Amino acid sequence: MSKRAVLEVIALGVEDAVAAQAGGADRLELVTDMAADGLTPSAATVAGIRRAVDISLRVMIRLADGFAAGDADRLAGTAVELREAGAEEFVLGFLDAGGVVDLAAVERVVGVLDGCPWTFHRAIDRAADRDALRKQLDGMPGLDTYLTAGAPGGVDEGLPVLLAEAGRAGEPGYEQQLLVGGGLRLEHVPVLLEAGVGGFHIGGAARPRGWDEPVSTEAVAAWRAAVDGV
């Protein structure tokens, strides 16, 4: 029997987290400030959500808009604080000005995660060379997922890339789970499932009335059914 695909939902607070779990989400991505495309939430928020739900949580490590790391020591200190608040899984990804993965910054943060699972986020969609980035990160402790739309403009633009990368599963640099998100729509799901994609990530799609409103349990349930192929 094939393994059920993962449905991950962005949560900004406890209300979102509870609604997403009720709708059938497998995992949450915890962020704040969606105007900056998702920054690190407070340790108090992480602790509160951890108490409220029992599904997996991946916490963003990103202190400013864009994909530059900034102060790597500050990032590492933030990661330590999040772990102390109960975080056990993370999301991160840093590029230099040329669109090459900032290995020094990634290694600095991963070094304090002590093997915790983590996702390399949509910075990959801004990379100068996606394949080179994957191969540079191959074997990085804890890296088990790439969150990607396949292109900066979203899944509509990136679908051919996503299908090609799904077909490379198991190759060096491609062992990690492909978690598709960024302009993802329900009609994309059957094609991606057929290609073997095992992870789906939604944010705005879980909030039919916009980011000023909380996650809708009903919307998440509709995505759960689609991801399950129902």
Foldseek 3Di string as FASTA:
>chain_A
DDDFFAEEEEAAAQVQLLLLVLLPHQEYEYFDDCVLPGAFDDLVRLLRNVVRDPHAYATEQHHGRDAARPDLVVSQVVLVSNVVSPHQEYEHFHADPQQATPVVSVCSNLVSSVQRAYEHEASLQSHPDNVVNLLVCFPRRRYAEYEHCQHPQGVVVRVVSLLVLLQVDPPGSNVHAYAYDDNDDLVVQVVNVVSPHRHYYDYVQQPVPDPVDHGHSVSSNVVSCSSRVD
